[in-house]
Amino acid sequence: MKKAFYPILFCLVLSFGCKDNEDPATACGVSDPMNDLPWLVEMKESLSQGGMGDSFYILQAKYKGKRVFYKGSCCPQCSTMLVFYDCDGNGINDDISYDDLDDQKVIWRPENSQCSF
């Protein structure tokens, strides 16, 4: 009986220890981050009001298992820098490339978007 106890305990620890923190239907604990996260609403409004607003869009992805957001652009004359944000709107200082991201998807683009996906 003692010989079986440790392998069973080990399997139980492994099965309960690896849980994904985020429900796939939500991002940052909300079902609609574009309308439920105030800093993201502000970013959307800022992009909409700019002169080149039709060339920008907002994406979400997962980076190291955490949800991140960033602005994308299809403007050929614009020189934009990728800045990634966490759920609280804080900039992430890691050197992130597209290869580091999972589950990328566009969550906002203007109705008159010039970008084709």
N, C-alpha and C. Protein backbone atom coordinates (compact mmCIF):
# COMPACT_ATOMS: atom_id res chain seq x y z
N MET A 1 0.81 -1.19 0.00
CA MET A 1 0.00 0.00 0.00
C MET A 1 0.86 1.26 0.00
N LYS A 2 1.96 1.26 0.78
CA LYS A 2 2.83 2.43 0.84
C LYS A 2 3.46 2.72 -0.52
N LYS A 3 3.76 1.67 -1.27
CA LYS A 3 4.40 1.85 -2.57
C LYS A 3 3.46 2.55 -3.56
N ALA A 4 2.18 2.36 -3.43
CA ALA A 4 1.20 2.96 -4.34
C ALA A 4 0.84 4.38 -3.91
N PHE A 5 1.06 4.73 -2.66
CA PHE A 5 0.67 6.03 -2.15
C PHE A 5 1.40 7.19 -2.84
N TYR A 6 2.70 7.10 -2.95
CA TYR A 6 3.49 8.21 -3.52
C TYR A 6 3.22 8.44 -5.01
N PRO A 7 3.14 7.40 -5.84
CA PRO A 7 2.78 7.65 -7.24
C PRO A 7 1.39 8.26 -7.41
N ILE A 8 0.45 7.82 -6.60
CA ILE A 8 -0.91 8.39 -6.67
C ILE A 8 -0.89 9.84 -6.22
N LEU A 9 -0.17 10.13 -5.14
CA LEU A 9 -0.05 11.50 -4.65
C LEU A 9 0.61 12.39 -5.70
N PHE A 10 1.65 11.90 -6.33
CA PHE A 10 2.35 12.65 -7.38
C PHE A 10 1.41 12.98 -8.53
N CYS A 11 0.62 12.02 -8.97
CA CYS A 11 -0.33 12.25 -10.07
C CYS A 11 -1.40 13.26 -9.67
N LEU A 12 -1.87 13.20 -8.45
CA LEU A 12 -2.87 14.16 -7.99
C LEU A 12 -2.31 15.58 -7.97
N VAL A 13 -1.09 15.73 -7.48
CA VAL A 13 -0.45 17.05 -7.44
C VAL A 13 -0.30 17.60 -8.84
N LEU A 14 0.13 16.79 -9.78
CA LEU A 14 0.30 17.24 -11.16
C LEU A 14 -1.03 17.61 -11.80
N SER A 15 -2.05 16.83 -11.54
CA SER A 15 -3.34 17.09 -12.20
C SER A 15 -4.02 18.35 -11.68
N PHE A 16 -3.81 18.70 -10.43
CA PHE A 16 -4.43 19.89 -9.87
C PHE A 16 -3.52 21.11 -9.92
N GLY A 17 -2.24 20.91 -10.13
CA GLY A 17 -1.29 22.02 -10.11
C GLY A 17 -1.20 22.80 -11.41
N CYS A 18 -1.65 22.26 -12.51
CA CYS A 18 -1.51 22.92 -13.81
C CYS A 18 -2.87 23.36 -14.32
N LYS A 19 -3.28 24.51 -13.90
CA LYS A 19 -4.57 25.05 -14.35
C LYS A 19 -4.33 26.37 -15.06
N ASP A 20 -5.07 26.60 -16.12
CA ASP A 20 -5.01 27.87 -16.82
C ASP A 20 -5.83 28.87 -16.02
N ASN A 21 -5.27 30.04 -15.75
CA ASN A 21 -5.93 31.04 -14.92
C ASN A 21 -7.11 31.70 -15.62
N GLU A 22 -7.14 31.68 -16.90
CA GLU A 22 -8.12 32.48 -17.65
C GLU A 22 -9.09 31.60 -18.40
N ASP A 23 -10.36 31.87 -18.23
CA ASP A 23 -11.40 31.20 -18.99
C ASP A 23 -11.25 31.61 -20.45
N PRO A 24 -11.27 30.67 -21.40
CA PRO A 24 -11.07 31.02 -22.80
C PRO A 24 -12.09 32.02 -23.34
N ALA A 25 -13.26 32.11 -22.72
CA ALA A 25 -14.29 33.03 -23.20
C ALA A 25 -14.08 34.46 -22.69
N THR A 26 -13.12 34.64 -21.80
CA THR A 26 -12.88 35.97 -21.25
C THR A 26 -11.44 36.39 -21.48
N ALA A 27 -11.21 37.67 -21.36
CA ALA A 27 -9.86 38.22 -21.39
C ALA A 27 -9.77 39.18 -20.22
N CYS A 28 -8.83 38.96 -19.34
CA CYS A 28 -8.64 39.83 -18.17
C CYS A 28 -9.86 39.83 -17.26
N GLY A 29 -10.58 38.73 -17.22
CA GLY A 29 -11.73 38.63 -16.34
C GLY A 29 -13.00 39.29 -16.85
N VAL A 30 -12.98 39.76 -18.08
CA VAL A 30 -14.18 40.38 -18.67
C VAL A 30 -14.48 39.70 -20.01
N SER A 31 -15.74 39.70 -20.39
CA SER A 31 -16.10 39.03 -21.64
C SER A 31 -15.90 39.92 -22.87
N ASP A 32 -15.85 41.24 -22.67
CA ASP A 32 -15.68 42.18 -23.78
C ASP A 32 -14.63 43.23 -23.42
N PRO A 33 -13.36 42.90 -23.56
CA PRO A 33 -12.31 43.84 -23.13
C PRO A 33 -12.37 45.19 -23.83
N MET A 34 -12.82 45.25 -25.07
CA MET A 34 -12.86 46.53 -25.79
C MET A 34 -13.85 47.50 -25.17
N ASN A 35 -14.83 47.02 -24.47
CA ASN A 35 -15.81 47.90 -23.83
C ASN A 35 -15.75 47.87 -22.31
N ASP A 36 -15.10 46.85 -21.74
CA ASP A 36 -15.09 46.69 -20.29
C ASP A 36 -13.79 47.13 -19.62
N LEU A 37 -12.73 47.32 -20.38
CA LEU A 37 -11.46 47.80 -19.80
C LEU A 37 -11.31 49.28 -20.15
N PRO A 38 -11.45 50.17 -19.17
CA PRO A 38 -11.45 51.61 -19.45
C PRO A 38 -10.23 52.11 -20.23
N TRP A 39 -9.05 51.62 -19.92
CA TRP A 39 -7.86 52.08 -20.62
C TRP A 39 -7.88 51.65 -22.09
N LEU A 40 -8.50 50.50 -22.39
CA LEU A 40 -8.60 50.04 -23.78
C LEU A 40 -9.65 50.84 -24.54
N VAL A 41 -10.73 51.22 -23.87
CA VAL A 41 -11.73 52.10 -24.47
C VAL A 41 -11.09 53.43 -24.83
N GLU A 42 -10.26 53.95 -23.93
CA GLU A 42 -9.56 55.21 -24.17
C GLU A 42 -8.60 55.10 -25.36
N MET A 43 -7.90 53.98 -25.46
CA MET A 43 -6.99 53.76 -26.60
C MET A 43 -7.77 53.74 -27.91
N LYS A 44 -8.89 53.04 -27.92
CA LYS A 44 -9.74 52.95 -29.11
C LYS A 44 -10.21 54.34 -29.53
N GLU A 45 -10.68 55.12 -28.58
CA GLU A 45 -11.16 56.47 -28.88
C GLU A 45 -10.04 57.36 -29.40
N SER A 46 -8.86 57.22 -28.82
CA SER A 46 -7.71 58.00 -29.27
C SER A 46 -7.33 57.64 -30.71
N LEU A 47 -7.32 56.36 -31.02
CA LEU A 47 -6.99 55.93 -32.39
C LEU A 47 -8.06 56.38 -33.38
N SER A 48 -9.31 56.36 -32.96
CA SER A 48 -10.42 56.74 -33.84
C SER A 48 -10.36 58.21 -34.22
N GLN A 49 -9.89 59.05 -33.32
CA GLN A 49 -9.89 60.48 -33.54
C GLN A 49 -8.66 60.98 -34.28
N GLY A 50 -7.65 60.16 -34.40
CA GLY A 50 -6.43 60.58 -35.08
C GLY A 50 -6.62 60.67 -36.58
N GLY A 51 -5.75 61.41 -37.25
CA GLY A 51 -5.84 61.60 -38.69
C GLY A 51 -5.64 60.33 -39.49
N MET A 52 -4.91 59.37 -38.95
CA MET A 52 -4.66 58.11 -39.65
C MET A 52 -5.40 56.96 -38.97
N GLY A 53 -6.50 57.27 -38.29
CA GLY A 53 -7.25 56.27 -37.53
C GLY A 53 -7.72 55.09 -38.34
N ASP A 54 -7.90 55.27 -39.63
CA ASP A 54 -8.37 54.16 -40.47
C ASP A 54 -7.26 53.14 -40.76
N SER A 55 -6.05 53.41 -40.29
CA SER A 55 -4.92 52.51 -40.54
C SER A 55 -4.47 51.75 -39.29
N PHE A 56 -5.17 51.94 -38.18
CA PHE A 56 -4.78 51.28 -36.93
C PHE A 56 -5.86 50.32 -36.47
N TYR A 57 -5.46 49.37 -35.66
CA TYR A 57 -6.37 48.39 -35.09
C TYR A 57 -5.78 47.89 -33.78
N ILE A 58 -6.56 47.20 -32.98
CA ILE A 58 -6.11 46.70 -31.69
C ILE A 58 -6.24 45.19 -31.68
N LEU A 59 -5.20 44.54 -31.16
CA LEU A 59 -5.16 43.09 -31.10
C LEU A 59 -4.97 42.62 -29.66
N GLN A 60 -5.38 41.38 -29.43
CA GLN A 60 -5.06 40.73 -28.16
C GLN A 60 -4.36 39.42 -28.49
N ALA A 61 -3.53 38.97 -27.56
CA ALA A 61 -2.80 37.72 -27.73
C ALA A 61 -2.44 37.20 -26.35
N LYS A 62 -1.80 36.07 -26.33
CA LYS A 62 -1.26 35.53 -25.08
C LYS A 62 0.27 35.54 -25.18
N TYR A 63 0.90 36.01 -24.12
CA TYR A 63 2.35 36.04 -24.02
C TYR A 63 2.73 35.41 -22.68
N LYS A 64 3.45 34.32 -22.73
CA LYS A 64 3.83 33.57 -21.52
C LYS A 64 2.60 33.23 -20.68
N GLY A 65 1.50 32.88 -21.35
CA GLY A 65 0.28 32.47 -20.67
C GLY A 65 -0.59 33.60 -20.17
N LYS A 66 -0.16 34.83 -20.36
CA LYS A 66 -0.93 36.00 -19.90
C LYS A 66 -1.49 36.75 -21.09
N ARG A 67 -2.64 37.38 -20.91
CA ARG A 67 -3.27 38.17 -21.96
C ARG A 67 -2.53 39.49 -22.14
N VAL A 68 -2.27 39.84 -23.38
CA VAL A 68 -1.65 41.13 -23.72
C VAL A 68 -2.43 41.78 -24.84
N PHE A 69 -2.27 43.09 -24.96
CA PHE A 69 -2.93 43.88 -26.00
C PHE A 69 -1.89 44.74 -26.69
N TYR A 70 -2.10 45.04 -27.96
CA TYR A 70 -1.20 45.92 -28.68
C TYR A 70 -1.90 46.53 -29.89
N LYS A 71 -1.33 47.66 -30.34
CA LYS A 71 -1.86 48.35 -31.52
C LYS A 71 -1.14 47.83 -32.76
N GLY A 72 -1.89 47.64 -33.82
CA GLY A 72 -1.32 47.27 -35.10
C GLY A 72 -1.59 48.38 -36.09
N SER A 73 -0.81 48.39 -37.17
CA SER A 73 -0.99 49.41 -38.19
C SER A 73 -0.71 48.82 -39.56
N CYS A 74 -1.48 49.29 -40.55
CA CYS A 74 -1.22 48.91 -41.93
C CYS A 74 -0.82 50.14 -42.74
N CYS A 75 -0.41 51.19 -42.05
CA CYS A 75 -0.01 52.44 -42.68
C CYS A 75 1.40 52.28 -43.27
N PRO A 76 1.55 52.38 -44.58
CA PRO A 76 2.88 52.18 -45.18
C PRO A 76 3.85 53.33 -44.89
N GLN A 77 3.36 54.52 -44.59
CA GLN A 77 4.23 55.65 -44.32
C GLN A 77 4.52 55.83 -42.83
N CYS A 78 3.80 55.13 -41.99
CA CYS A 78 3.95 55.30 -40.54
C CYS A 78 5.08 54.42 -40.01
N SER A 79 5.84 54.98 -39.13
CA SER A 79 6.87 54.23 -38.43
C SER A 79 6.37 54.01 -37.01
N THR A 80 5.83 52.84 -36.76
CA THR A 80 5.25 52.56 -35.45
C THR A 80 6.09 51.56 -34.69
N MET A 81 6.06 51.68 -33.38
CA MET A 81 6.78 50.78 -32.50
C MET A 81 5.75 49.92 -31.78
N LEU A 82 6.02 48.64 -31.68
CA LEU A 82 5.11 47.74 -30.96
C LEU A 82 5.27 47.96 -29.46
N VAL A 83 4.15 48.25 -28.81
CA VAL A 83 4.12 48.36 -27.35
C VAL A 83 3.02 47.41 -26.88
N PHE A 84 3.39 46.54 -25.97
CA PHE A 84 2.45 45.56 -25.45
C PHE A 84 1.99 46.00 -24.07
N TYR A 85 0.70 45.74 -23.78
CA TYR A 85 0.10 46.15 -22.52
C TYR A 85 -0.50 44.94 -21.82
N ASP A 86 -0.45 44.95 -20.49
CA ASP A 86 -1.09 43.89 -19.72
C ASP A 86 -2.56 44.26 -19.47
N CYS A 87 -3.25 43.47 -18.69
CA CYS A 87 -4.68 43.68 -18.45
C CYS A 87 -4.99 45.00 -17.74
N ASP A 88 -4.02 45.54 -17.04
CA ASP A 88 -4.22 46.81 -16.34
C ASP A 88 -3.80 48.02 -17.16
N GLY A 89 -3.32 47.79 -18.38
CA GLY A 89 -2.90 48.89 -19.23
C GLY A 89 -1.45 49.30 -19.02
N ASN A 90 -0.70 48.51 -18.26
CA ASN A 90 0.71 48.80 -18.04
C ASN A 90 1.53 48.27 -19.21
N GLY A 91 2.51 49.05 -19.66
CA GLY A 91 3.40 48.61 -20.73
C GLY A 91 4.26 47.45 -20.25
N ILE A 92 4.52 46.51 -21.14
CA ILE A 92 5.37 45.37 -20.82
C ILE A 92 6.74 45.64 -21.42
N ASN A 93 7.77 45.56 -20.61
CA ASN A 93 9.12 45.94 -21.03
C ASN A 93 9.93 44.79 -21.64
N ASP A 94 9.34 43.63 -21.80
CA ASP A 94 10.06 42.50 -22.41
C ASP A 94 10.29 42.77 -23.89
N ASP A 95 11.30 42.14 -24.43
CA ASP A 95 11.57 42.21 -25.87
C ASP A 95 10.72 41.12 -26.54
N ILE A 96 9.53 41.48 -26.96
CA ILE A 96 8.55 40.53 -27.48
C ILE A 96 8.53 40.57 -29.01
N SER A 97 8.51 39.40 -29.61
CA SER A 97 8.34 39.32 -31.06
C SER A 97 7.03 38.60 -31.34
N TYR A 98 6.59 38.66 -32.59
CA TYR A 98 5.34 37.98 -32.96
C TYR A 98 5.41 36.49 -32.70
N ASP A 99 6.62 35.91 -32.79
CA ASP A 99 6.77 34.47 -32.56
C ASP A 99 6.52 34.09 -31.11
N ASP A 100 6.61 35.06 -30.19
CA ASP A 100 6.37 34.80 -28.78
C ASP A 100 4.89 34.80 -28.42
N LEU A 101 4.03 35.18 -29.35
CA LEU A 101 2.61 35.36 -29.08
C LEU A 101 1.78 34.17 -29.55
N ASP A 102 0.76 33.86 -28.77
CA ASP A 102 -0.21 32.82 -29.13
C ASP A 102 -1.59 33.45 -29.18
N ASP A 103 -2.49 32.83 -29.90
CA ASP A 103 -3.91 33.23 -29.95
C ASP A 103 -4.09 34.71 -30.31
N GLN A 104 -3.37 35.18 -31.30
CA GLN A 104 -3.51 36.57 -31.73
C GLN A 104 -4.84 36.76 -32.45
N LYS A 105 -5.53 37.85 -32.11
CA LYS A 105 -6.74 38.17 -32.85
C LYS A 105 -7.04 39.66 -32.76
N VAL A 106 -7.58 40.18 -33.84
CA VAL A 106 -7.99 41.58 -33.90
C VAL A 106 -9.28 41.71 -33.09
N ILE A 107 -9.29 42.65 -32.14
CA ILE A 107 -10.49 42.85 -31.33
C ILE A 107 -11.17 44.18 -31.64
N TRP A 108 -10.48 45.04 -32.38
CA TRP A 108 -11.10 46.30 -32.81
C TRP A 108 -10.40 46.82 -34.06
N ARG A 109 -11.20 47.33 -34.96
CA ARG A 109 -10.72 48.12 -36.09
C ARG A 109 -11.85 49.05 -36.49
N PRO A 110 -11.52 50.23 -37.01
CA PRO A 110 -12.59 51.18 -37.36
C PRO A 110 -13.42 50.66 -38.53
N GLU A 111 -14.63 51.15 -38.63
CA GLU A 111 -15.51 50.74 -39.73
C GLU A 111 -14.91 51.07 -41.08
N ASN A 112 -14.18 52.18 -41.17
CA ASN A 112 -13.56 52.59 -42.43
C ASN A 112 -12.12 52.12 -42.55
N SER A 113 -11.80 51.01 -41.93
CA SER A 113 -10.43 50.51 -41.90
C SER A 113 -9.85 50.30 -43.30
N GLN A 114 -8.63 50.73 -43.49
CA GLN A 114 -7.91 50.53 -44.73
C GLN A 114 -7.14 49.20 -44.72
N CYS A 115 -7.12 48.53 -43.57
CA CYS A 115 -6.37 47.31 -43.42
C CYS A 115 -7.18 46.11 -43.90
N SER A 116 -6.52 45.22 -44.58
CA SER A 116 -7.18 43.98 -45.01
C SER A 116 -6.56 42.83 -44.25
N PHE A 117 -7.39 41.94 -43.76
CA PHE A 117 -6.91 40.83 -42.95
C PHE A 117 -7.22 39.51 -43.62
